[in-house]
Amino acid sequence: MQTSHGSNPWGVDLFSPHYYGEIVDHKLIQGWQKEFDVDYEWCIPVKPPIVYDDHIKKHGEGIHHLAFMVKDMGKVLQDYDTKGFVVSMGGTWGEDGKPGSGRYEYIDMEKGGGLTMELLWSLE
């Protein structure tokens, strides 16, 4: 399932988006900015359900998540699961099995401090 996510300067289409285990057709506008060694992603929710809208309703505008590249998505997700944290949203990008494709998963960390964790895995 491919969804329209608004302007995307990376030119990456996202596929199979899910929200708390359910396939959804959410929409957002994204933008990116780099300052020194820090990449900032601007996420504007357009059509819920989507974690960015949840965050704004609960906490107001501000930092929603920190993102980290992982080598073994399954192992990291299992570790969070054993600690009682759940995947709130995720999906894939690119062509399955081709270099440059990947997967993203957001971990709901509300009970661990309120900031969401984004995990990224990419096939190089």
N, C-alpha and C. Protein backbone atom coordinates (compact mmCIF):
# COMPACT_ATOMS: atom_id res chain seq x y z
N MET A 1 0.84 -1.18 0.00
CA MET A 1 0.00 0.00 0.00
C MET A 1 0.88 1.24 0.00
N GLN A 2 0.71 2.10 -0.94
CA GLN A 2 1.48 3.34 -1.02
C GLN A 2 0.59 4.49 -0.57
N THR A 3 1.17 5.41 0.18
CA THR A 3 0.38 6.55 0.62
C THR A 3 1.06 7.84 0.19
N SER A 4 0.26 8.87 0.03
CA SER A 4 0.78 10.19 -0.28
C SER A 4 1.12 10.88 1.02
N HIS A 5 2.32 11.34 1.16
CA HIS A 5 2.77 11.98 2.38
C HIS A 5 3.12 13.44 2.17
N GLY A 6 2.61 14.07 1.15
CA GLY A 6 2.92 15.48 0.93
C GLY A 6 4.29 15.64 0.30
N SER A 7 4.85 16.84 0.44
CA SER A 7 6.15 17.10 -0.17
C SER A 7 7.23 16.29 0.53
N ASN A 8 8.09 15.68 -0.24
CA ASN A 8 9.13 14.85 0.32
C ASN A 8 10.43 15.14 -0.44
N PRO A 9 11.31 15.96 0.14
CA PRO A 9 12.53 16.32 -0.57
C PRO A 9 13.46 15.17 -0.83
N TRP A 10 13.33 14.06 -0.09
CA TRP A 10 14.16 12.90 -0.36
C TRP A 10 13.63 12.12 -1.54
N GLY A 11 12.41 12.39 -1.97
CA GLY A 11 11.81 11.65 -3.07
C GLY A 11 11.53 10.21 -2.71
N VAL A 12 11.26 9.94 -1.43
CA VAL A 12 11.03 8.58 -0.95
C VAL A 12 9.54 8.37 -0.74
N ASP A 13 8.99 7.33 -1.37
CA ASP A 13 7.60 6.96 -1.14
C ASP A 13 7.55 5.97 0.01
N LEU A 14 6.57 6.14 0.89
CA LEU A 14 6.40 5.25 2.03
C LEU A 14 5.30 4.25 1.73
N PHE A 15 5.48 3.01 2.21
CA PHE A 15 4.56 1.92 1.93
C PHE A 15 4.11 1.25 3.22
N SER A 16 2.96 0.61 3.17
CA SER A 16 2.42 -0.20 4.27
C SER A 16 2.44 0.53 5.62
N PRO A 17 1.94 1.76 5.66
CA PRO A 17 1.96 2.45 6.95
C PRO A 17 0.99 1.79 7.94
N HIS A 18 1.44 1.66 9.18
CA HIS A 18 0.57 1.09 10.20
C HIS A 18 0.59 1.97 11.44
N TYR A 19 -0.51 1.90 12.18
CA TYR A 19 -0.71 2.68 13.39
C TYR A 19 -1.27 1.74 14.44
N TYR A 20 -0.48 1.48 15.48
CA TYR A 20 -0.85 0.54 16.53
C TYR A 20 -1.39 -0.77 15.95
N GLY A 21 -0.66 -1.31 14.98
CA GLY A 21 -0.96 -2.62 14.41
C GLY A 21 -1.98 -2.65 13.30
N GLU A 22 -2.61 -1.54 13.00
CA GLU A 22 -3.62 -1.47 11.94
C GLU A 22 -3.07 -0.74 10.72
N ILE A 23 -3.28 -1.27 9.53
CA ILE A 23 -2.90 -0.57 8.30
C ILE A 23 -3.78 0.67 8.18
N VAL A 24 -3.16 1.81 7.89
CA VAL A 24 -3.89 3.08 7.81
C VAL A 24 -3.52 3.84 6.54
N ASP A 25 -4.30 4.84 6.26
CA ASP A 25 -4.04 5.73 5.12
C ASP A 25 -3.87 7.15 5.67
N HIS A 26 -2.87 7.32 6.55
CA HIS A 26 -2.66 8.65 7.09
C HIS A 26 -1.83 9.50 6.10
N LYS A 27 -1.84 10.80 6.34
CA LYS A 27 -1.07 11.70 5.49
C LYS A 27 -0.37 12.73 6.36
N LEU A 28 0.80 13.17 5.89
CA LEU A 28 1.55 14.20 6.57
C LEU A 28 2.37 14.99 5.55
N ILE A 29 2.80 16.14 5.98
CA ILE A 29 3.75 16.95 5.21
C ILE A 29 5.06 16.88 5.97
N GLN A 30 6.14 16.57 5.25
CA GLN A 30 7.44 16.44 5.88
C GLN A 30 8.43 17.40 5.25
N GLY A 31 9.38 17.81 6.05
CA GLY A 31 10.49 18.60 5.56
C GLY A 31 11.71 18.30 6.41
N TRP A 32 12.88 18.55 5.87
CA TRP A 32 14.11 18.26 6.60
C TRP A 32 15.03 19.46 6.60
N GLN A 33 15.80 19.59 7.67
CA GLN A 33 16.76 20.67 7.82
C GLN A 33 17.97 20.09 8.54
N LYS A 34 19.15 20.52 8.16
CA LYS A 34 20.37 20.05 8.83
C LYS A 34 21.08 21.24 9.44
N GLU A 35 21.42 21.10 10.71
CA GLU A 35 22.22 22.09 11.43
C GLU A 35 23.41 21.36 12.03
N PHE A 36 24.61 21.66 11.53
CA PHE A 36 25.83 20.99 11.97
C PHE A 36 25.65 19.49 11.76
N ASP A 37 25.73 18.68 12.82
CA ASP A 37 25.60 17.23 12.67
C ASP A 37 24.21 16.71 13.04
N VAL A 38 23.25 17.61 13.19
CA VAL A 38 21.91 17.21 13.61
C VAL A 38 20.93 17.42 12.46
N ASP A 39 20.18 16.36 12.14
CA ASP A 39 19.12 16.45 11.14
C ASP A 39 17.79 16.67 11.85
N TYR A 40 17.03 17.64 11.38
CA TYR A 40 15.71 17.91 11.92
C TYR A 40 14.67 17.52 10.88
N GLU A 41 13.64 16.84 11.32
CA GLU A 41 12.53 16.45 10.45
C GLU A 41 11.29 17.18 10.94
N TRP A 42 10.64 17.89 10.04
CA TRP A 42 9.41 18.60 10.36
C TRP A 42 8.25 17.74 9.88
N CYS A 43 7.34 17.40 10.79
CA CYS A 43 6.22 16.52 10.49
C CYS A 43 4.91 17.24 10.83
N ILE A 44 4.11 17.49 9.81
CA ILE A 44 2.84 18.16 10.00
C ILE A 44 1.73 17.16 9.68
N PRO A 45 0.96 16.75 10.70
CA PRO A 45 -0.11 15.79 10.43
C PRO A 45 -1.21 16.42 9.59
N VAL A 46 -1.66 15.70 8.56
CA VAL A 46 -2.71 16.18 7.67
C VAL A 46 -3.96 15.33 7.82
N LYS A 47 -3.77 14.00 7.86
CA LYS A 47 -4.91 13.08 7.97
C LYS A 47 -4.58 11.99 9.00
N PRO A 48 -5.25 12.03 10.17
CA PRO A 48 -5.02 11.00 11.18
C PRO A 48 -5.71 9.69 10.79
N PRO A 49 -5.43 8.59 11.48
CA PRO A 49 -4.64 8.55 12.70
C PRO A 49 -3.15 8.53 12.38
N ILE A 50 -2.41 9.31 13.16
CA ILE A 50 -0.96 9.42 12.98
C ILE A 50 -0.35 9.90 14.29
N VAL A 51 0.81 9.40 14.64
CA VAL A 51 1.40 9.69 15.94
C VAL A 51 1.71 11.17 16.15
N TYR A 52 1.96 11.91 15.09
CA TYR A 52 2.28 13.34 15.24
C TYR A 52 1.05 14.10 15.75
N ASP A 53 -0.11 13.76 15.27
CA ASP A 53 -1.36 14.36 15.73
C ASP A 53 -1.60 14.00 17.20
N ASP A 54 -1.36 12.74 17.55
CA ASP A 54 -1.51 12.30 18.94
C ASP A 54 -0.64 13.15 19.86
N HIS A 55 0.61 13.35 19.45
CA HIS A 55 1.57 14.09 20.27
C HIS A 55 1.13 15.54 20.47
N ILE A 56 0.69 16.19 19.41
CA ILE A 56 0.27 17.58 19.49
C ILE A 56 -0.94 17.71 20.43
N LYS A 57 -1.88 16.80 20.33
CA LYS A 57 -3.06 16.84 21.20
C LYS A 57 -2.70 16.63 22.67
N LYS A 58 -1.69 15.79 22.92
CA LYS A 58 -1.33 15.45 24.29
C LYS A 58 -0.31 16.42 24.89
N HIS A 59 0.68 16.86 24.08
CA HIS A 59 1.79 17.65 24.61
C HIS A 59 1.94 19.03 23.97
N GLY A 60 1.19 19.31 22.92
CA GLY A 60 1.38 20.55 22.18
C GLY A 60 2.51 20.39 21.17
N GLU A 61 2.86 21.46 20.49
CA GLU A 61 3.94 21.41 19.51
C GLU A 61 5.28 21.24 20.21
N GLY A 62 6.22 20.64 19.51
CA GLY A 62 7.55 20.45 20.08
C GLY A 62 8.19 19.19 19.56
N ILE A 63 9.24 18.77 20.22
CA ILE A 63 9.98 17.58 19.78
C ILE A 63 9.11 16.34 20.02
N HIS A 64 8.94 15.57 18.97
CA HIS A 64 8.13 14.35 19.03
C HIS A 64 8.99 13.11 19.22
N HIS A 65 10.09 13.01 18.46
CA HIS A 65 10.86 11.77 18.51
C HIS A 65 12.35 12.00 18.27
N LEU A 66 13.12 11.02 18.69
CA LEU A 66 14.54 10.90 18.36
C LEU A 66 14.67 9.66 17.50
N ALA A 67 15.51 9.74 16.47
CA ALA A 67 15.65 8.61 15.54
C ALA A 67 17.05 8.00 15.64
N PHE A 68 17.09 6.69 15.53
CA PHE A 68 18.35 5.95 15.59
C PHE A 68 18.36 4.86 14.53
N MET A 69 19.48 4.72 13.84
CA MET A 69 19.68 3.62 12.90
C MET A 69 19.98 2.36 13.69
N VAL A 70 19.37 1.25 13.28
CA VAL A 70 19.62 -0.04 13.92
C VAL A 70 20.05 -1.06 12.87
N LYS A 71 20.84 -2.04 13.29
CA LYS A 71 21.31 -3.07 12.35
C LYS A 71 20.35 -4.24 12.27
N ASP A 72 19.62 -4.52 13.36
CA ASP A 72 18.71 -5.67 13.41
C ASP A 72 17.38 -5.20 13.99
N MET A 73 16.47 -4.78 13.12
CA MET A 73 15.19 -4.22 13.56
C MET A 73 14.42 -5.21 14.43
N GLY A 74 14.36 -6.46 14.02
CA GLY A 74 13.61 -7.46 14.78
C GLY A 74 14.12 -7.62 16.20
N LYS A 75 15.42 -7.65 16.36
CA LYS A 75 16.01 -7.82 17.69
C LYS A 75 15.72 -6.61 18.58
N VAL A 76 15.84 -5.42 18.03
CA VAL A 76 15.58 -4.20 18.81
C VAL A 76 14.09 -4.10 19.17
N LEU A 77 13.21 -4.42 18.23
CA LEU A 77 11.77 -4.39 18.52
C LEU A 77 11.41 -5.40 19.60
N GLN A 78 12.01 -6.57 19.54
CA GLN A 78 11.75 -7.60 20.56
C GLN A 78 12.21 -7.11 21.93
N ASP A 79 13.35 -6.43 21.99
CA ASP A 79 13.86 -5.91 23.25
C ASP A 79 12.88 -4.88 23.85
N TYR A 80 12.39 -3.96 23.03
CA TYR A 80 11.41 -2.98 23.52
C TYR A 80 10.13 -3.69 23.97
N ASP A 81 9.69 -4.69 23.21
CA ASP A 81 8.48 -5.43 23.54
C ASP A 81 8.60 -6.11 24.91
N THR A 82 9.75 -6.73 25.18
CA THR A 82 9.94 -7.41 26.47
C THR A 82 9.93 -6.43 27.63
N LYS A 83 10.18 -5.16 27.35
CA LYS A 83 10.15 -4.12 28.38
C LYS A 83 8.78 -3.46 28.48
N GLY A 84 7.81 -3.93 27.67
CA GLY A 84 6.45 -3.44 27.75
C GLY A 84 6.12 -2.25 26.86
N PHE A 85 7.02 -1.90 25.94
CA PHE A 85 6.76 -0.80 25.02
C PHE A 85 6.18 -1.34 23.71
N VAL A 86 5.32 -0.56 23.05
CA VAL A 86 4.67 -1.02 21.83
C VAL A 86 5.04 -0.15 20.64
N VAL A 87 4.95 -0.75 19.47
CA VAL A 87 5.14 -0.01 18.22
C VAL A 87 3.88 0.80 17.97
N SER A 88 4.04 2.11 17.80
CA SER A 88 2.88 2.97 17.56
C SER A 88 2.64 3.20 16.07
N MET A 89 3.70 3.25 15.29
CA MET A 89 3.55 3.53 13.86
C MET A 89 4.80 3.05 13.13
N GLY A 90 4.66 2.76 11.86
CA GLY A 90 5.82 2.34 11.09
C GLY A 90 5.45 2.05 9.66
N GLY A 91 6.41 1.55 8.92
CA GLY A 91 6.20 1.21 7.52
C GLY A 91 7.54 0.99 6.84
N THR A 92 7.53 1.08 5.52
CA THR A 92 8.74 0.85 4.73
C THR A 92 8.86 1.93 3.66
N TRP A 93 10.03 1.96 3.01
CA TRP A 93 10.24 2.83 1.87
C TRP A 93 11.08 2.09 0.83
N GLY A 94 11.02 2.57 -0.38
CA GLY A 94 11.82 1.98 -1.46
C GLY A 94 11.23 0.68 -1.98
N GLU A 95 12.05 -0.01 -2.78
CA GLU A 95 11.65 -1.30 -3.34
C GLU A 95 12.21 -2.42 -2.50
N ASP A 96 11.34 -3.31 -2.04
CA ASP A 96 11.72 -4.40 -1.15
C ASP A 96 12.94 -5.15 -1.67
N GLY A 97 13.97 -5.25 -0.82
CA GLY A 97 15.17 -5.99 -1.17
C GLY A 97 16.19 -5.24 -2.01
N LYS A 98 15.90 -4.00 -2.38
CA LYS A 98 16.82 -3.22 -3.21
C LYS A 98 17.58 -2.22 -2.34
N PRO A 99 18.86 -1.96 -2.67
CA PRO A 99 19.64 -0.97 -1.93
C PRO A 99 18.89 0.37 -1.86
N GLY A 100 18.97 0.99 -0.69
CA GLY A 100 18.27 2.24 -0.47
C GLY A 100 16.88 2.07 0.12
N SER A 101 16.37 0.83 0.13
CA SER A 101 15.07 0.58 0.74
C SER A 101 15.25 0.45 2.25
N GLY A 102 14.16 0.54 2.98
CA GLY A 102 14.30 0.43 4.42
C GLY A 102 12.99 0.33 5.15
N ARG A 103 13.10 0.44 6.46
CA ARG A 103 11.96 0.29 7.35
C ARG A 103 12.08 1.28 8.49
N TYR A 104 10.96 1.80 8.93
CA TYR A 104 10.93 2.69 10.10
C TYR A 104 9.86 2.19 11.05
N GLU A 105 10.13 2.30 12.33
CA GLU A 105 9.17 1.91 13.37
C GLU A 105 9.29 2.91 14.51
N TYR A 106 8.15 3.39 14.99
CA TYR A 106 8.11 4.30 16.13
C TYR A 106 7.71 3.50 17.37
N ILE A 107 8.42 3.70 18.48
CA ILE A 107 8.12 3.04 19.73
C ILE A 107 7.44 4.06 20.65
N ASP A 108 6.26 3.71 21.15
CA ASP A 108 5.53 4.57 22.07
C ASP A 108 6.23 4.52 23.43
N MET A 109 6.88 5.61 23.79
CA MET A 109 7.64 5.68 25.04
C MET A 109 6.94 6.56 26.08
N GLU A 110 5.64 6.76 25.93
CA GLU A 110 4.90 7.64 26.84
C GLU A 110 5.14 7.29 28.31
N LYS A 111 5.10 6.00 28.62
CA LYS A 111 5.31 5.60 30.02
C LYS A 111 6.79 5.62 30.42
N GLY A 112 7.67 5.90 29.45
CA GLY A 112 9.09 5.97 29.74
C GLY A 112 9.64 7.39 29.62
N GLY A 113 8.76 8.38 29.65
CA GLY A 113 9.24 9.76 29.62
C GLY A 113 8.54 10.64 28.61
N GLY A 114 7.76 10.06 27.71
CA GLY A 114 6.95 10.86 26.81
C GLY A 114 7.50 11.08 25.42
N LEU A 115 8.77 10.88 25.21
CA LEU A 115 9.36 11.08 23.89
C LEU A 115 9.29 9.77 23.11
N THR A 116 8.93 9.85 21.85
CA THR A 116 8.85 8.65 21.00
C THR A 116 10.22 8.33 20.44
N MET A 117 10.49 7.04 20.26
CA MET A 117 11.75 6.57 19.68
C MET A 117 11.46 6.09 18.25
N GLU A 118 12.20 6.60 17.28
CA GLU A 118 12.06 6.10 15.91
C GLU A 118 13.27 5.22 15.61
N LEU A 119 13.00 4.04 15.12
CA LEU A 119 14.06 3.11 14.70
C LEU A 119 14.07 3.06 13.19
N LEU A 120 15.25 3.15 12.61
CA LEU A 120 15.42 3.13 11.16
C LEU A 120 16.36 2.00 10.78
N TRP A 121 16.00 1.29 9.72
CA TRP A 121 16.86 0.26 9.17
C TRP A 121 16.87 0.46 7.67
N SER A 122 18.05 0.38 7.08
CA SER A 122 18.15 0.60 5.63
C SER A 122 19.06 -0.46 5.01
N LEU A 123 18.66 -0.96 3.85
CA LEU A 123 19.46 -1.90 3.08
C LEU A 123 20.42 -1.09 2.23
N GLU A 124 21.70 -1.27 2.48
CA GLU A 124 22.70 -0.48 1.73
C GLU A 124 23.26 -1.23 0.58
